[in-house]
N, C-alpha and C. Protein backbone atom coordinates (compact mmCIF):
# COMPACT_ATOMS: atom_id res chain seq x y z
N MET A 1 0.63 -0.73 0.27
CA MET A 1 -0.37 0.29 -0.34
C MET A 1 0.87 1.20 0.29
N ARG A 2 0.46 2.40 -0.72
CA ARG A 2 1.37 3.23 -0.71
C ARG A 2 0.50 4.27 0.06
N LEU A 3 1.45 5.47 0.62
CA LEU A 3 1.51 6.22 2.01
C LEU A 3 -0.29 7.37 0.23
N GLN A 4 -0.70 7.75 -0.04
CA GLN A 4 -1.43 8.64 -0.85
C GLN A 4 -3.01 7.54 -1.21
N GLU A 5 -2.18 5.88 -1.09
CA GLU A 5 -4.35 5.31 -0.97
C GLU A 5 -4.03 5.33 0.43
N PHE A 6 -2.85 5.05 1.53
CA PHE A 6 -3.45 5.27 2.64
C PHE A 6 -4.48 6.64 2.51
N TRP A 7 -3.98 7.72 2.96
CA TRP A 7 -4.62 8.68 3.08
C TRP A 7 -6.16 8.75 2.64
N SER A 8 -5.63 8.22 1.11
CA SER A 8 -7.38 7.97 1.15
C SER A 8 -8.35 7.67 1.22
N ARG A 9 -8.08 5.76 1.53
CA ARG A 9 -8.54 5.41 2.29
C ARG A 9 -9.74 6.58 3.70
N LEU A 10 -8.63 6.31 4.38
CA LEU A 10 -8.13 6.71 5.98
C LEU A 10 -9.91 7.76 6.17
N GLY A 11 -9.65 8.84 4.63
CA GLY A 11 -10.44 9.90 4.33
C GLY A 11 -12.39 9.05 3.94
N GLU A 12 -12.10 8.31 2.72
CA GLU A 12 -13.44 7.72 3.10
C GLU A 12 -13.58 7.05 4.27
N GLN A 13 -12.60 6.50 5.04
CA GLN A 13 -13.79 5.32 5.54
C GLN A 13 -14.52 6.23 7.15
N PHE A 14 -13.35 7.22 7.13
CA PHE A 14 -13.37 8.86 8.56
C PHE A 14 -13.70 10.21 8.24
N GLY A 15 -14.35 10.75 6.97
CA GLY A 15 -14.02 11.72 6.43
C GLY A 15 -12.35 12.41 6.86
N SER A 16 -13.04 12.96 5.39
CA SER A 16 -11.38 14.43 6.30
C SER A 16 -11.11 14.63 7.76
N MET A 17 -11.62 15.46 8.57
CA MET A 17 -11.64 15.85 9.36
C MET A 17 -10.95 14.52 10.59
N ARG A 18 -12.08 13.97 10.41
CA ARG A 18 -11.55 12.43 11.40
C ARG A 18 -10.58 12.05 11.24
N ALA A 19 -10.28 11.72 9.46
CA ALA A 19 -9.26 10.77 9.71
C ALA A 19 -7.69 11.45 9.37
N GLU A 20 -7.66 12.78 10.05
CA GLU A 20 -6.74 13.18 10.44
C GLU A 20 -6.57 13.12 12.07
N SER A 21 -7.73 13.36 12.62
CA SER A 21 -6.93 13.39 14.10
C SER A 21 -7.00 11.20 14.08
N VAL A 22 -7.40 10.53 13.44
CA VAL A 22 -7.20 9.39 13.43
C VAL A 22 -5.72 9.00 13.61
N ALA A 23 -4.92 9.73 12.59
CA ALA A 23 -3.65 9.47 12.26
C ALA A 23 -3.39 9.97 12.89
N ARG A 24 -3.21 11.17 14.17
CA ARG A 24 -2.82 12.14 15.10
C ARG A 24 -2.66 12.09 15.84
N ASP A 25 -3.67 12.34 16.42
CA ASP A 25 -4.24 12.03 17.41
C ASP A 25 -4.51 10.85 18.53
N HIS A 26 -4.68 9.17 18.06
CA HIS A 26 -4.81 8.28 18.50
C HIS A 26 -3.73 7.65 18.36
N VAL A 27 -3.08 6.98 19.86
CA VAL A 27 -2.04 6.01 19.48
C VAL A 27 -2.47 4.73 20.38
N PHE A 28 -1.54 3.81 19.27
CA PHE A 28 -1.90 2.64 18.93
C PHE A 28 -1.01 1.48 20.11
N ALA A 29 -1.74 0.93 20.19
CA ALA A 29 -0.97 0.05 21.20
C ALA A 29 0.09 -0.90 20.47
N SER A 30 -0.30 -1.46 18.98
CA SER A 30 -0.26 -2.10 18.47
C SER A 30 0.76 -1.89 16.97
N LEU A 31 0.74 -0.27 17.11
CA LEU A 31 2.52 -0.42 16.36
C LEU A 31 3.10 0.60 17.74
N GLY A 32 3.50 0.24 18.94
CA GLY A 32 4.27 0.08 19.38
C GLY A 32 3.53 1.29 20.25
N GLY A 33 2.82 2.18 20.93
CA GLY A 33 2.89 2.95 21.74
C GLY A 33 2.37 4.28 20.85
N ARG A 34 2.45 4.49 19.31
CA ARG A 34 2.96 5.33 18.11
C ARG A 34 1.13 5.55 17.69
N ASN A 35 1.17 6.94 16.96
CA ASN A 35 -0.23 7.02 16.17
C ASN A 35 0.65 6.34 15.34
N ALA A 36 -0.36 6.75 14.09
CA ALA A 36 -0.60 6.43 12.54
C ALA A 36 0.64 7.39 12.06
N VAL A 37 0.71 8.33 11.71
CA VAL A 37 1.84 9.33 11.68
C VAL A 37 3.04 8.66 12.06
N GLU A 38 3.10 9.13 13.45
CA GLU A 38 5.00 8.64 13.50
C GLU A 38 4.69 7.28 13.81
N ALA A 39 4.40 6.19 12.93
CA ALA A 39 4.90 4.90 12.71
C ALA A 39 5.25 4.38 11.83
N ILE A 40 4.02 5.45 10.62
CA ILE A 40 4.80 5.31 9.37
C ILE A 40 6.29 5.97 8.66
N GLU A 41 5.86 7.90 9.89
CA GLU A 41 7.97 8.61 10.27
C GLU A 41 9.03 7.31 10.90
N ALA A 42 8.88 6.24 11.57
CA ALA A 42 9.90 5.20 11.88
C ALA A 42 9.76 3.79 10.90
N GLY A 43 8.94 4.07 9.79
CA GLY A 43 9.23 3.05 8.89
C GLY A 43 8.66 1.72 8.99
N LEU A 44 7.69 1.57 9.81
CA LEU A 44 6.85 0.87 9.79
C LEU A 44 5.79 0.51 8.84
N PRO A 45 5.92 -0.57 7.88
CA PRO A 45 5.11 -0.67 6.09
C PRO A 45 3.67 0.58 6.81
N VAL A 46 2.94 0.87 5.46
CA VAL A 46 1.76 1.76 5.57
C VAL A 46 0.99 0.13 5.99
N ARG A 47 0.98 -0.48 5.14
CA ARG A 47 -0.32 -1.58 5.14
C ARG A 47 -0.60 -1.73 6.73
N ARG A 48 0.54 -2.32 7.27
CA ARG A 48 0.33 -2.34 9.02
C ARG A 48 0.04 -1.49 9.68
N VAL A 49 0.15 -0.55 9.04
CA VAL A 49 -0.43 1.24 10.48
C VAL A 49 -1.90 0.84 9.70
N TRP A 50 -2.22 0.86 8.42
CA TRP A 50 -4.01 0.73 7.97
C TRP A 50 -4.25 -0.08 8.44
N LEU A 51 -4.03 -1.53 8.59
CA LEU A 51 -4.81 -2.77 9.60
C LEU A 51 -4.81 -2.71 11.06
N ALA A 52 -4.30 -2.01 11.24
CA ALA A 52 -4.23 -1.32 12.82
C ALA A 52 -4.77 -0.72 13.05
N ILE A 53 -4.65 0.56 12.39
CA ILE A 53 -6.67 1.38 12.36
C ILE A 53 -7.43 0.61 12.53
N CYS A 54 -7.80 -0.54 10.77
CA CYS A 54 -8.64 -1.11 11.08
C CYS A 54 -9.02 -2.13 11.83
N GLU A 55 -8.54 -2.43 12.53
CA GLU A 55 -8.42 -3.37 13.77
C GLU A 55 -9.40 -2.92 15.21
N GLU A 56 -8.37 -1.62 15.37
CA GLU A 56 -8.97 -0.11 16.30
C GLU A 56 -10.76 -0.17 16.19
N PHE A 57 -10.46 0.61 15.12
CA PHE A 57 -12.21 0.98 14.82
C PHE A 57 -13.41 0.35 14.14
N ASP A 58 -12.37 -0.70 13.97
CA ASP A 58 -13.90 -2.03 13.01
C ASP A 58 -14.62 -1.77 11.75
N VAL A 59 -13.38 -1.27 11.60
CA VAL A 59 -13.08 -0.95 10.36
C VAL A 59 -14.14 -2.40 9.51
N PRO A 60 -14.80 -2.29 8.80
CA PRO A 60 -15.40 -4.29 8.11
C PRO A 60 -14.71 -4.57 7.62
N ARG A 61 -14.69 -6.30 7.23
CA ARG A 61 -13.30 -6.24 6.42
C ARG A 61 -12.72 -5.60 4.91
N LYS A 62 -14.68 -6.01 4.02
CA LYS A 62 -14.19 -5.44 2.38
C LYS A 62 -13.91 -4.58 2.75
N ASP A 63 -13.66 -3.11 3.83
CA ASP A 63 -12.79 -2.22 3.47
C ASP A 63 -11.85 -1.77 3.74
N ARG A 64 -11.28 -3.51 4.31
CA ARG A 64 -9.13 -2.57 5.04
C ARG A 64 -9.00 -3.32 3.46
């Protein structure tokens, strides 16, 4: 998954304003206590970050 696709899916799933908050304000234990942006900047695969968000927020399987 590319970063552009990540942001696109995040916006589609949560809306543009909430997507930014999910990515920057929510800390994920599964990402080492980082938010999504920090995890990506630390070098974690974008797909792994996306799936962590999906798990945390119960995104339907068809949208993952």
